Amino acid sequence: MMPLMRDHSYFTYIMASRSHTLYIGVTSDLHKRVFQHKWKEHEGFTAKYNCDRLVWFEGHQEITRSIAREKELKGWKRAKKIALIEATNPVWMDLSHDWYDCEPADYRRALDRMDQ
């Protein structure tokens, strides 16, 4: 389920890879930003390390609060970040799994089948 955008204008979020490499970011459009991570629309850390699963997020009404929270989380030790994720998402489920009509992995598998 998509987060309620009307209640929050900014989001602090954590993306993860299958091997639990973590990326922490801030955005004003969580739906769009997660899509960009999933489809690797920008070169950088999340594309390089395949951080394509939204595992945690929280909304804020002010950008300054989202940025402060991002900085706070980035200063935490890994174990504390993992505890934060697992407090609400113990199995590291992709919280955006039903936001889009097609996931990149599904699309790539379909293309591979067409090439055979």
PDB file of N, CA and C in Angstrom:
ATOM      1  N   MET A   1       0.831  -1.179   0.000  1.00  0.00           N
ATOM      2  CA  MET A   1       0.000   0.000   0.000  1.00  0.00           C
ATOM      3  C   MET A   1       0.875   1.242   0.000  1.00  0.00           C
ATOM      4  N   MET A   2       0.539   2.201  -0.838  1.00  0.00           N
ATOM      5  CA  MET A   2       1.326   3.429  -0.913  1.00  0.00           C
ATOM      6  C   MET A   2       1.110   4.278   0.334  1.00  0.00           C
ATOM      7  N   PRO A   3       2.148   4.977   0.771  1.00  0.00           N
ATOM      8  CA  PRO A   3       1.989   5.854   1.936  1.00  0.00           C
ATOM      9  C   PRO A   3       1.028   6.991   1.618  1.00  0.00           C
ATOM     10  N   LEU A   4       0.360   7.492   2.627  1.00  0.00           N
ATOM     11  CA  LEU A   4      -0.549   8.606   2.425  1.00  0.00           C
ATOM     12  C   LEU A   4       0.247   9.876   2.171  1.00  0.00           C
ATOM     13  N   MET A   5       0.235  10.340   0.954  1.00  0.00           N
ATOM     14  CA  MET A   5       1.032  11.489   0.567  1.00  0.00           C
ATOM     15  C   MET A   5       0.474  12.792   1.146  1.00  0.00           C
ATOM     16  N   ARG A   6      -0.823  12.855   1.402  1.00  0.00           N
ATOM     17  CA  ARG A   6      -1.408  14.107   1.874  1.00  0.00           C
ATOM     18  C   ARG A   6      -1.004  14.421   3.308  1.00  0.00           C
ATOM     19  N   ASP A   7      -0.647  13.395   4.078  1.00  0.00           N
ATOM     20  CA  ASP A   7      -0.254  13.608   5.460  1.00  0.00           C
ATOM     21  C   ASP A   7       1.213  13.988   5.598  1.00  0.00           C
ATOM     22  N   HIS A   8       2.012  13.595   4.629  1.00  0.00           N
ATOM     23  CA  HIS A   8       3.448  13.832   4.703  1.00  0.00           C
ATOM     24  C   HIS A   8       3.939  14.307   3.341  1.00  0.00           C
ATOM     25  N   SER A   9       4.761  15.328   3.374  1.00  0.00           N
ATOM     26  CA  SER A   9       5.301  15.855   2.128  1.00  0.00           C
ATOM     27  C   SER A   9       6.699  15.352   1.842  1.00  0.00           C
ATOM     28  N   TYR A  10       7.380  14.822   2.881  1.00  0.00           N
ATOM     29  CA  TYR A  10       8.760  14.382   2.729  1.00  0.00           C
ATOM     30  C   TYR A  10       8.938  13.047   3.440  1.00  0.00           C
ATOM     31  N   PHE A  11       9.864  12.259   2.927  1.00  0.00           N
ATOM     32  CA  PHE A  11      10.085  10.929   3.482  1.00  0.00           C
ATOM     33  C   PHE A  11      11.563  10.660   3.677  1.00  0.00           C
ATOM     34  N   THR A  12      11.881  10.029   4.793  1.00  0.00           N
ATOM     35  CA  THR A  12      13.189   9.423   5.018  1.00  0.00           C
ATOM     36  C   THR A  12      12.961   7.941   4.798  1.00  0.00           C
ATOM     37  N   TYR A  13      13.855   7.287   4.063  1.00  0.00           N
ATOM     38  CA  TYR A  13      13.604   5.893   3.707  1.00  0.00           C
ATOM     39  C   TYR A  13      14.895   5.086   3.678  1.00  0.00           C
ATOM     40  N   ILE A  14      14.721   3.769   3.749  1.00  0.00           N
ATOM     41  CA  ILE A  14      15.856   2.855   3.634  1.00  0.00           C
ATOM     42  C   ILE A  14      15.551   1.841   2.536  1.00  0.00           C
ATOM     43  N   MET A  15      16.465   1.759   1.576  1.00  0.00           N
ATOM     44  CA  MET A  15      16.426   0.732   0.535  1.00  0.00           C
ATOM     45  C   MET A  15      17.462  -0.325   0.903  1.00  0.00           C
ATOM     46  N   ALA A  16      17.217  -1.570   0.500  1.00  0.00           N
ATOM     47  CA  ALA A  16      18.160  -2.645   0.794  1.00  0.00           C
ATOM     48  C   ALA A  16      18.297  -3.567  -0.412  1.00  0.00           C
ATOM     49  N   SER A  17      19.432  -4.215  -0.471  1.00  0.00           N
ATOM     50  CA  SER A  17      19.656  -5.253  -1.477  1.00  0.00           C
ATOM     51  C   SER A  17      19.263  -6.597  -0.864  1.00  0.00           C
ATOM     52  N   ARG A  18      19.305  -7.639  -1.661  1.00  0.00           N
ATOM     53  CA  ARG A  18      19.020  -8.982  -1.129  1.00  0.00           C
ATOM     54  C   ARG A  18      20.018  -9.395  -0.063  1.00  0.00           C
ATOM     55  N   SER A  19      21.241  -8.880  -0.168  1.00  0.00           N
ATOM     56  CA  SER A  19      22.278  -9.207   0.819  1.00  0.00           C
ATOM     57  C   SER A  19      22.300  -8.212   1.985  1.00  0.00           C
ATOM     58  N   HIS A  20      21.283  -7.354   2.025  1.00  0.00           N
ATOM     59  CA  HIS A  20      21.082  -6.385   3.111  1.00  0.00           C
ATOM     60  C   HIS A  20      22.091  -5.237   3.122  1.00  0.00           C
ATOM     61  N   THR A  21      22.598  -4.869   1.956  1.00  0.00           N
ATOM     62  CA  THR A  21      23.324  -3.606   1.838  1.00  0.00           C
ATOM     63  C   THR A  21      22.274  -2.509   1.969  1.00  0.00           C
ATOM     64  N   LEU A  22      22.563  -1.484   2.761  1.00  0.00           N
ATOM     65  CA  LEU A  22      21.572  -0.459   3.062  1.00  0.00           C
ATOM     66  C   LEU A  22      21.892   0.876   2.408  1.00  0.00           C
ATOM     67  N   TYR A  23      20.834   1.573   2.013  1.00  0.00           N
ATOM     68  CA  TYR A  23      20.937   2.936   1.508  1.00  0.00           C
ATOM     69  C   TYR A  23      19.862   3.765   2.201  1.00  0.00           C
ATOM     70  N   ILE A  24      20.241   4.915   2.734  1.00  0.00           N
ATOM     71  CA  ILE A  24      19.298   5.800   3.415  1.00  0.00           C
ATOM     72  C   ILE A  24      19.179   7.074   2.597  1.00  0.00           C
ATOM     73  N   GLY A  25      17.942   7.508   2.356  1.00  0.00           N
ATOM     74  CA  GLY A  25      17.729   8.707   1.561  1.00  0.00           C
ATOM     75  C   GLY A  25      16.534   9.517   2.024  1.00  0.00           C
ATOM     76  N   VAL A  26      16.327  10.649   1.347  1.00  0.00           N
ATOM     77  CA  VAL A  26      15.222  11.567   1.601  1.00  0.00           C
ATOM     78  C   VAL A  26      14.601  11.924   0.262  1.00  0.00           C
ATOM     79  N   THR A  27      13.280  12.063   0.245  1.00  0.00           N
ATOM     80  CA  THR A  27      12.597  12.452  -0.984  1.00  0.00           C
ATOM     81  C   THR A  27      11.271  13.129  -0.668  1.00  0.00           C
ATOM     82  N   SER A  28      10.784  13.887  -1.617  1.00  0.00           N
ATOM     83  CA  SER A  28       9.445  14.461  -1.499  1.00  0.00           C
ATOM     84  C   SER A  28       8.427  13.609  -2.261  1.00  0.00           C
ATOM     85  N   ASP A  29       8.896  12.640  -3.027  1.00  0.00           N
ATOM     86  CA  ASP A  29       8.011  11.765  -3.801  1.00  0.00           C
ATOM     87  C   ASP A  29       8.515  10.331  -3.668  1.00  0.00           C
ATOM     88  N   LEU A  30       8.065   9.659  -2.631  1.00  0.00           N
ATOM     89  CA  LEU A  30       8.568   8.311  -2.330  1.00  0.00           C
ATOM     90  C   LEU A  30       8.252   7.325  -3.448  1.00  0.00           C
ATOM     91  N   HIS A  31       7.057   7.384  -3.982  1.00  0.00           N
ATOM     92  CA  HIS A  31       6.653   6.473  -5.054  1.00  0.00           C
ATOM     93  C   HIS A  31       7.593   6.591  -6.256  1.00  0.00           C
ATOM     94  N   LYS A  32       7.864   7.812  -6.678  1.00  0.00           N
ATOM     95  CA  LYS A  32       8.748   8.045  -7.824  1.00  0.00           C
ATOM     96  C   LYS A  32      10.189   7.646  -7.505  1.00  0.00           C
ATOM     97  N   ARG A  33      10.663   8.005  -6.321  1.00  0.00           N
ATOM     98  CA  ARG A  33      12.064   7.742  -5.972  1.00  0.00           C
ATOM     99  C   ARG A  33      12.338   6.251  -5.867  1.00  0.00           C
ATOM    100  N   VAL A  34      11.420   5.503  -5.276  1.00  0.00           N
ATOM    101  CA  VAL A  34      11.607   4.052  -5.181  1.00  0.00           C
ATOM    102  C   VAL A  34      11.624   3.443  -6.584  1.00  0.00           C
ATOM    103  N   PHE A  35      10.740   3.912  -7.449  1.00  0.00           N
ATOM    104  CA  PHE A  35      10.719   3.454  -8.838  1.00  0.00           C
ATOM    105  C   PHE A  35      12.082   3.687  -9.483  1.00  0.00           C
ATOM    106  N   GLN A  36      12.653   4.872  -9.265  1.00  0.00           N
ATOM    107  CA  GLN A  36      13.970   5.185  -9.838  1.00  0.00           C
ATOM    108  C   GLN A  36      15.051   4.241  -9.316  1.00  0.00           C
ATOM    109  N   HIS A  37      14.990   3.911  -8.033  1.00  0.00           N
ATOM    110  CA  HIS A  37      15.955   2.953  -7.474  1.00  0.00           C
ATOM    111  C   HIS A  37      15.760   1.577  -8.107  1.00  0.00           C
ATOM    112  N   LYS A  38      14.526   1.123  -8.175  1.00  0.00           N
ATOM    113  CA  LYS A  38      14.250  -0.209  -8.716  1.00  0.00           C
ATOM    114  C   LYS A  38      14.717  -0.365 -10.156  1.00  0.00           C
ATOM    115  N   TRP A  39      14.484   0.656 -10.958  1.00  0.00           N
ATOM    116  CA  TRP A  39      14.814   0.591 -12.374  1.00  0.00           C
ATOM    117  C   TRP A  39      16.207   1.141 -12.683  1.00  0.00           C
ATOM    118  N   LYS A  40      16.956   1.488 -11.610  1.00  0.00           N
ATOM    119  CA  LYS A  40      18.339   1.963 -11.768  1.00  0.00           C
ATOM    120  C   LYS A  40      18.427   3.123 -12.760  1.00  0.00           C
ATOM    121  N   GLU A  41      17.545   4.090 -12.570  1.00  0.00           N
ATOM    122  CA  GLU A  41      17.504   5.242 -13.467  1.00  0.00           C
ATOM    123  C   GLU A  41      18.666   6.203 -13.260  1.00  0.00           C
ATOM    124  N   HIS A  42      19.341   6.091 -12.126  1.00  0.00           N
ATOM    125  CA  HIS A  42      20.492   6.946 -11.856  1.00  0.00           C
ATOM    126  C   HIS A  42      21.675   6.066 -11.459  1.00  0.00           C
ATOM    127  N   GLU A  43      22.834   6.370 -11.997  1.00  0.00           N
ATOM    128  CA  GLU A  43      24.033   5.658 -11.569  1.00  0.00           C
ATOM    129  C   GLU A  43      24.340   6.064 -10.137  1.00  0.00           C
ATOM    130  N   GLY A  44      24.917   5.178  -9.406  1.00  0.00           N
ATOM    131  CA  GLY A  44      25.269   5.509  -8.031  1.00  0.00           C
ATOM    132  C   GLY A  44      25.211   4.290  -7.136  1.00  0.00           C
ATOM    133  N   PHE A  45      25.184   4.538  -5.855  1.00  0.00           N
ATOM    134  CA  PHE A  45      25.287   3.480  -4.854  1.00  0.00           C
ATOM    135  C   PHE A  45      24.187   2.432  -5.004  1.00  0.00           C
ATOM    136  N   THR A  46      22.920   2.867  -5.085  1.00  0.00           N
ATOM    137  CA  THR A  46      21.832   1.881  -5.115  1.00  0.00           C
ATOM    138  C   THR A  46      21.861   1.044  -6.386  1.00  0.00           C
ATOM    139  N   ALA A  47      22.241   1.638  -7.493  1.00  0.00           N
ATOM    140  CA  ALA A  47      22.351   0.875  -8.741  1.00  0.00           C
ATOM    141  C   ALA A  47      23.522  -0.105  -8.653  1.00  0.00           C
ATOM    142  N   LYS A  48      24.655   0.370  -8.153  1.00  0.00           N
ATOM    143  CA  LYS A  48      25.855  -0.468  -8.057  1.00  0.00           C
ATOM    144  C   LYS A  48      25.639  -1.676  -7.140  1.00  0.00           C
ATOM    145  N   TYR A  49      24.964  -1.453  -6.010  1.00  0.00           N
ATOM    146  CA  TYR A  49      24.788  -2.515  -5.017  1.00  0.00           C
ATOM    147  C   TYR A  49      23.395  -3.137  -5.040  1.00  0.00           C
ATOM    148  N   ASN A  50      22.610  -2.814  -6.069  1.00  0.00           N
ATOM    149  CA  ASN A  50      21.288  -3.401  -6.282  1.00  0.00           C
ATOM    150  C   ASN A  50      20.360  -3.221  -5.073  1.00  0.00           C
ATOM    151  N   CYS A  51      20.362  -2.033  -4.511  1.00  0.00           N
ATOM    152  CA  CYS A  51      19.444  -1.705  -3.407  1.00  0.00           C
ATOM    153  C   CYS A  51      18.097  -1.344  -4.024  1.00  0.00           C
ATOM    154  N   ASP A  52      17.248  -2.344  -4.194  1.00  0.00           N
ATOM    155  CA  ASP A  52      15.993  -2.151  -4.921  1.00  0.00           C
ATOM    156  C   ASP A  52      14.748  -2.510  -4.115  1.00  0.00           C
ATOM    157  N   ARG A  53      14.900  -2.654  -2.805  1.00  0.00           N
ATOM    158  CA  ARG A  53      13.770  -3.006  -1.949  1.00  0.00           C
ATOM    159  C   ARG A  53      13.586  -1.939  -0.880  1.00  0.00           C
ATOM    160  N   LEU A  54      12.395  -1.388  -0.824  1.00  0.00           N
ATOM    161  CA  LEU A  54      12.071  -0.430   0.228  1.00  0.00           C
ATOM    162  C   LEU A  54      11.757  -1.223   1.497  1.00  0.00           C
ATOM    163  N   VAL A  55      12.589  -1.067   2.521  1.00  0.00           N
ATOM    164  CA  VAL A  55      12.399  -1.867   3.732  1.00  0.00           C
ATOM    165  C   VAL A  55      11.947  -1.046   4.934  1.00  0.00           C
ATOM    166  N   TRP A  56      12.021   0.274   4.826  1.00  0.00           N
ATOM    167  CA  TRP A  56      11.587   1.137   5.934  1.00  0.00           C
ATOM    168  C   TRP A  56      11.405   2.547   5.406  1.00  0.00           C
ATOM    169  N   PHE A  57      10.403   3.260   5.938  1.00  0.00           N
ATOM    170  CA  PHE A  57      10.253   4.681   5.631  1.00  0.00           C
ATOM    171  C   PHE A  57       9.411   5.340   6.703  1.00  0.00           C
ATOM    172  N   GLU A  58       9.575   6.658   6.799  1.00  0.00           N
ATOM    173  CA  GLU A  58       8.691   7.449   7.654  1.00  0.00           C
ATOM    174  C   GLU A  58       8.487   8.798   7.003  1.00  0.00           C
ATOM    175  N   GLY A  59       7.309   9.369   7.199  1.00  0.00           N
ATOM    176  CA  GLY A  59       6.970  10.643   6.594  1.00  0.00           C
ATOM    177  C   GLY A  59       7.122  11.796   7.566  1.00  0.00           C
ATOM    178  N   HIS A  60       7.390  12.954   6.985  1.00  0.00           N
ATOM    179  CA  HIS A  60       7.542  14.192   7.763  1.00  0.00           C
ATOM    180  C   HIS A  60       6.858  15.321   7.016  1.00  0.00           C
ATOM    181  N   GLN A  61       6.405  16.300   7.747  1.00  0.00           N
ATOM    182  CA  GLN A  61       5.764  17.450   7.113  1.00  0.00           C
ATOM    183  C   GLN A  61       6.780  18.502   6.680  1.00  0.00           C
ATOM    184  N   GLU A  62       7.969  18.454   7.259  1.00  0.00           N
ATOM    185  CA  GLU A  62       8.987  19.459   6.935  1.00  0.00           C
ATOM    186  C   GLU A  62      10.252  18.780   6.414  1.00  0.00           C
ATOM    187  N   ILE A  63      10.820  19.343   5.347  1.00  0.00           N
ATOM    188  CA  ILE A  63      12.037  18.788   4.751  1.00  0.00           C
ATOM    189  C   ILE A  63      13.184  18.789   5.753  1.00  0.00           C
ATOM    190  N   THR A  64      13.253  19.803   6.594  1.00  0.00           N
ATOM    191  CA  THR A  64      14.350  19.867   7.564  1.00  0.00           C
ATOM    192  C   THR A  64      14.311  18.678   8.515  1.00  0.00           C
ATOM    193  N   ARG A  65      13.115  18.227   8.865  1.00  0.00           N
ATOM    194  CA  ARG A  65      12.986  17.062   9.748  1.00  0.00           C
ATOM    195  C   ARG A  65      13.420  15.785   9.031  1.00  0.00           C
ATOM    196  N   SER A  66      13.058  15.642   7.773  1.00  0.00           N
ATOM    197  CA  SER A  66      13.474  14.464   7.003  1.00  0.00           C
ATOM    198  C   SER A  66      14.988  14.412   6.848  1.00  0.00           C
ATOM    199  N   ILE A  67      15.588  15.549   6.561  1.00  0.00           N
ATOM    200  CA  ILE A  67      17.044  15.602   6.393  1.00  0.00           C
ATOM    201  C   ILE A  67      17.739  15.309   7.716  1.00  0.00           C
ATOM    202  N   ALA A  68      17.221  15.872   8.793  1.00  0.00           N
ATOM    203  CA  ALA A  68      17.813  15.616  10.115  1.00  0.00           C
ATOM    204  C   ALA A  68      17.712  14.131  10.464  1.00  0.00           C
ATOM    205  N   ARG A  69      16.584  13.517  10.141  1.00  0.00           N
ATOM    206  CA  ARG A  69      16.414  12.084  10.426  1.00  0.00           C
ATOM    207  C   ARG A  69      17.375  11.252   9.575  1.00  0.00           C
ATOM    208  N   GLU A  70      17.545  11.623   8.309  1.00  0.00           N
ATOM    209  CA  GLU A  70      18.491  10.932   7.433  1.00  0.00           C
ATOM    210  C   GLU A  70      19.893  10.991   8.029  1.00  0.00           C
ATOM    211  N   LYS A  71      20.307  12.157   8.441  1.00  0.00           N
ATOM    212  CA  LYS A  71      21.643  12.316   9.035  1.00  0.00           C
ATOM    213  C   LYS A  71      21.772  11.509  10.313  1.00  0.00           C
ATOM    214  N   GLU A  72      20.719  11.507  11.122  1.00  0.00           N
ATOM    215  CA  GLU A  72      20.731  10.724  12.357  1.00  0.00           C
ATOM    216  C   GLU A  72      20.932   9.243  12.052  1.00  0.00           C
ATOM    217  N   LEU A  73      20.134   8.713  11.129  1.00  0.00           N
ATOM    218  CA  LEU A  73      20.222   7.293  10.787  1.00  0.00           C
ATOM    219  C   LEU A  73      21.572   6.937  10.187  1.00  0.00           C
ATOM    220  N   LYS A  74      22.110   7.800   9.346  1.00  0.00           N
ATOM    221  CA  LYS A  74      23.415   7.538   8.737  1.00  0.00           C
ATOM    222  C   LYS A  74      24.520   7.493   9.781  1.00  0.00           C
ATOM    223  N   GLY A  75      24.315   8.158  10.915  1.00  0.00           N
ATOM    224  CA  GLY A  75      25.295   8.140  11.989  1.00  0.00           C
ATOM    225  C   GLY A  75      25.202   6.920  12.898  1.00  0.00           C
ATOM    226  N   TRP A  76      24.147   6.152  12.751  1.00  0.00           N
ATOM    227  CA  TRP A  76      23.958   4.960  13.583  1.00  0.00           C
ATOM    228  C   TRP A  76      24.856   3.819  13.122  1.00  0.00           C
ATOM    229  N   LYS A  77      25.186   2.944  14.046  1.00  0.00           N
ATOM    230  CA  LYS A  77      25.879   1.700  13.705  1.00  0.00           C
ATOM    231  C   LYS A  77      24.896   0.799  12.949  1.00  0.00           C
ATOM    232  N   ARG A  78      25.445  -0.091  12.135  1.00  0.00           N
ATOM    233  CA  ARG A  78      24.627  -0.980  11.307  1.00  0.00           C
ATOM    234  C   ARG A  78      23.606  -1.760  12.132  1.00  0.00           C
ATOM    235  N   ALA A  79      24.011  -2.267  13.280  1.00  0.00           N
ATOM    236  CA  ALA A  79      23.102  -3.071  14.112  1.00  0.00           C
ATOM    237  C   ALA A  79      21.858  -2.279  14.521  1.00  0.00           C
ATOM    238  N   LYS A  80      22.032  -1.011  14.796  1.00  0.00           N
ATOM    239  CA  LYS A  80      20.897  -0.177  15.195  1.00  0.00           C
ATOM    240  C   LYS A  80      19.967   0.072  14.002  1.00  0.00           C
ATOM    241  N   LYS A  81      20.541   0.226  12.804  1.00  0.00           N
ATOM    242  CA  LYS A  81      19.726   0.395  11.597  1.00  0.00           C
ATOM    243  C   LYS A  81      18.914  -0.872  11.336  1.00  0.00           C
ATOM    244  N   ILE A  82      19.559  -2.013  11.485  1.00  0.00           N
ATOM    245  CA  ILE A  82      18.868  -3.288  11.284  1.00  0.00           C
ATOM    246  C   ILE A  82      17.739  -3.452  12.302  1.00  0.00           C
ATOM    247  N   ALA A  83      17.986  -3.075  13.549  1.00  0.00           N
ATOM    248  CA  ALA A  83      16.955  -3.162  14.584  1.00  0.00           C
ATOM    249  C   ALA A  83      15.765  -2.264  14.233  1.00  0.00           C
ATOM    250  N   LEU A  84      16.033  -1.085  13.689  1.00  0.00           N
ATOM    251  CA  LEU A  84      14.955  -0.178  13.274  1.00  0.00           C
ATOM    252  C   LEU A  84      14.098  -0.832  12.193  1.00  0.00           C
ATOM    253  N   ILE A  85      14.747  -1.394  11.186  1.00  0.00           N
ATOM    254  CA  ILE A  85      14.021  -2.058  10.099  1.00  0.00           C
ATOM    255  C   ILE A  85      13.204  -3.220  10.654  1.00  0.00           C
ATOM    256  N   GLU A  86      13.847  -4.076  11.431  1.00  0.00           N
ATOM    257  CA  GLU A  86      13.201  -5.304  11.895  1.00  0.00           C
ATOM    258  C   GLU A  86      12.114  -5.063  12.940  1.00  0.00           C
ATOM    259  N   ALA A  87      12.089  -3.887  13.550  1.00  0.00           N
ATOM    260  CA  ALA A  87      11.021  -3.562  14.503  1.00  0.00           C
ATOM    261  C   ALA A  87       9.660  -3.516  13.807  1.00  0.00           C
ATOM    262  N   THR A  88       9.629  -3.103  12.544  1.00  0.00           N
ATOM    263  CA  THR A  88       8.368  -3.026  11.804  1.00  0.00           C
ATOM    264  C   THR A  88       8.329  -3.933  10.580  1.00  0.00           C
ATOM    265  N   ASN A  89       9.483  -4.457  10.180  1.00  0.00           N
ATOM    266  CA  ASN A  89       9.566  -5.273   8.968  1.00  0.00           C
ATOM    267  C   ASN A  89      10.553  -6.413   9.207  1.00  0.00           C
ATOM    268  N   PRO A  90      10.192  -7.363  10.079  1.00  0.00           N
ATOM    269  CA  PRO A  90      11.146  -8.399  10.501  1.00  0.00           C
ATOM    270  C   PRO A  90      11.668  -9.299   9.389  1.00  0.00           C
ATOM    271  N   VAL A  91      10.930  -9.450   8.301  1.00  0.00           N
ATOM    272  CA  VAL A  91      11.398 -10.322   7.211  1.00  0.00           C
ATOM    273  C   VAL A  91      11.946  -9.525   6.025  1.00  0.00           C
ATOM    274  N   TRP A  92      12.136  -8.223   6.218  1.00  0.00           N
ATOM    275  CA  TRP A  92      12.701  -7.359   5.181  1.00  0.00           C
ATOM    276  C   TRP A  92      11.889  -7.410   3.881  1.00  0.00           C
ATOM    277  N   MET A  93      10.582  -7.445   4.009  1.00  0.00           N
ATOM    278  CA  MET A  93       9.708  -7.454   2.844  1.00  0.00           C
ATOM    279  C   MET A  93       9.849  -6.126   2.096  1.00  0.00           C
ATOM    280  N   ASP A  94       9.745  -6.163   0.789  1.00  0.00           N
ATOM    281  CA  ASP A  94       9.759  -4.937  -0.009  1.00  0.00           C
ATOM    282  C   ASP A  94       8.414  -4.254   0.209  1.00  0.00           C
ATOM    283  N   LEU A  95       8.424  -3.144   0.923  1.00  0.00           N
ATOM    284  CA  LEU A  95       7.186  -2.447   1.271  1.00  0.00           C
ATOM    285  C   LEU A  95       6.504  -1.821   0.055  1.00  0.00           C
ATOM    286  N   SER A  96       7.215  -1.755  -1.054  1.00  0.00           N
ATOM    287  CA  SER A  96       6.647  -1.188  -2.282  1.00  0.00           C
ATOM    288  C   SER A  96       6.249  -2.273  -3.276  1.00  0.00           C
ATOM    289  N   HIS A  97       6.185  -3.524  -2.835  1.00  0.00           N
ATOM    290  CA  HIS A  97       5.984  -4.640  -3.769  1.00  0.00           C
ATOM    291  C   HIS A  97       4.693  -4.552  -4.573  1.00  0.00           C
ATOM    292  N   ASP A  98       3.677  -3.854  -4.082  1.00  0.00           N
ATOM    293  CA  ASP A  98       2.434  -3.771  -4.847  1.00  0.00           C
ATOM    294  C   ASP A  98       2.140  -2.355  -5.364  1.00  0.00           C
ATOM    295  N   TRP A  99       3.165  -1.510  -5.414  1.00  0.00           N
ATOM    296  CA  TRP A  99       2.969  -0.142  -5.877  1.00  0.00           C
ATOM    297  C   TRP A  99       2.963  -0.015  -7.394  1.00  0.00           C
ATOM    298  N   TYR A 100       3.591  -0.948  -8.087  1.00  0.00           N
ATOM    299  CA  TYR A 100       3.814  -0.805  -9.521  1.00  0.00           C
ATOM    300  C   TYR A 100       3.216  -1.997 -10.259  1.00  0.00           C
ATOM    301  N   ASP A 101       2.877  -1.775 -11.512  1.00  0.00           N
ATOM    302  CA  ASP A 101       2.309  -2.847 -12.330  1.00  0.00           C
ATOM    303  C   ASP A 101       3.319  -3.930 -12.642  1.00  0.00           C
ATOM    304  N   CYS A 102       4.582  -3.556 -12.714  1.00  0.00           N
ATOM    305  CA  CYS A 102       5.629  -4.500 -13.105  1.00  0.00           C
ATOM    306  C   CYS A 102       6.906  -4.193 -12.337  1.00  0.00           C
ATOM    307  N   GLU A 103       7.510  -5.218 -11.785  1.00  0.00           N
ATOM    308  CA  GLU A 103       8.803  -5.085 -11.113  1.00  0.00           C
ATOM    309  C   GLU A 103       9.908  -5.315 -12.151  1.00  0.00           C
ATOM    310  N   PRO A 104      11.051  -4.675 -11.996  1.00  0.00           N
ATOM    311  CA  PRO A 104      12.138  -4.859 -12.961  1.00  0.00           C
ATOM    312  C   PRO A 104      12.515  -6.322 -13.173  1.00  0.00           C
ATOM    313  N   ALA A 105      12.579  -7.099 -12.104  1.00  0.00           N
ATOM    314  CA  ALA A 105      12.958  -8.517 -12.238  1.00  0.00           C
ATOM    315  C   ALA A 105      11.932  -9.270 -13.083  1.00  0.00           C
ATOM    316  N   ASP A 106      10.643  -8.978 -12.893  1.00  0.00           N
ATOM    317  CA  ASP A 106       9.597  -9.632 -13.688  1.00  0.00           C
ATOM    318  C   ASP A 106       9.710  -9.233 -15.151  1.00  0.00           C
ATOM    319  N   TYR A 107       9.974  -7.965 -15.393  1.00  0.00           N
ATOM    320  CA  TYR A 107      10.111  -7.462 -16.751  1.00  0.00           C
ATOM    321  C   TYR A 107      11.296  -8.121 -17.447  1.00  0.00           C
ATOM    322  N   ARG A 108      12.429  -8.217 -16.744  1.00  0.00           N
ATOM    323  CA  ARG A 108      13.626  -8.831 -17.337  1.00  0.00           C
ATOM    324  C   ARG A 108      13.398 -10.314 -17.644  1.00  0.00           C
ATOM    325  N   ARG A 109      12.708 -11.012 -16.742  1.00  0.00           N
ATOM    326  CA  ARG A 109      12.398 -12.434 -16.990  1.00  0.00           C
ATOM    327  C   ARG A 109      11.514 -12.583 -18.224  1.00  0.00           C
ATOM    328  N   ALA A 110      10.529 -11.702 -18.377  1.00  0.00           N
ATOM    329  CA  ALA A 110       9.653 -11.756 -19.536  1.00  0.00           C
ATOM    330  C   ALA A 110      10.445 -11.501 -20.824  1.00  0.00           C
ATOM    331  N   LEU A 111      11.355 -10.549 -20.787  1.00  0.00           N
ATOM    332  CA  LEU A 111      12.197 -10.283 -21.971  1.00  0.00           C
ATOM    333  C   LEU A 111      13.083 -11.491 -22.286  1.00  0.00           C
ATOM    334  N   ASP A 112      13.650 -12.117 -21.255  1.00  0.00           N
ATOM    335  CA  ASP A 112      14.490 -13.291 -21.473  1.00  0.00           C
ATOM    336  C   ASP A 112      13.693 -14.408 -22.131  1.00  0.00           C
ATOM    337  N   ARG A 113      12.450 -14.610 -21.697  1.00  0.00           N
ATOM    338  CA  ARG A 113      11.607 -15.651 -22.294  1.00  0.00           C
ATOM    339  C   ARG A 113      11.310 -15.348 -23.744  1.00  0.00           C
ATOM    340  N   MET A 114      11.119 -14.060 -24.069  1.00  0.00           N
ATOM    341  CA  MET A 114      10.818 -13.672 -25.446  1.00  0.00           C
ATOM    342  C   MET A 114      12.023 -13.908 -26.354  1.00  0.00           C
ATOM    343  N   ASP A 115      13.245 -13.789 -25.792  1.00  0.00           N
ATOM    344  CA  ASP A 115      14.455 -13.963 -26.570  1.00  0.00           C
ATOM    345  C   ASP A 115      14.764 -15.442 -26.855  1.00  0.00           C
ATOM    346  N   GLN A 116      14.121 -16.318 -26.134  1.00  0.00           N
ATOM    347  CA  GLN A 116      14.423 -17.766 -26.305  1.00  0.00           C
ATOM    348  C   GLN A 116      13.695 -18.364 -27.471  1.00  0.00           C
TER     349      GLN A 116
END
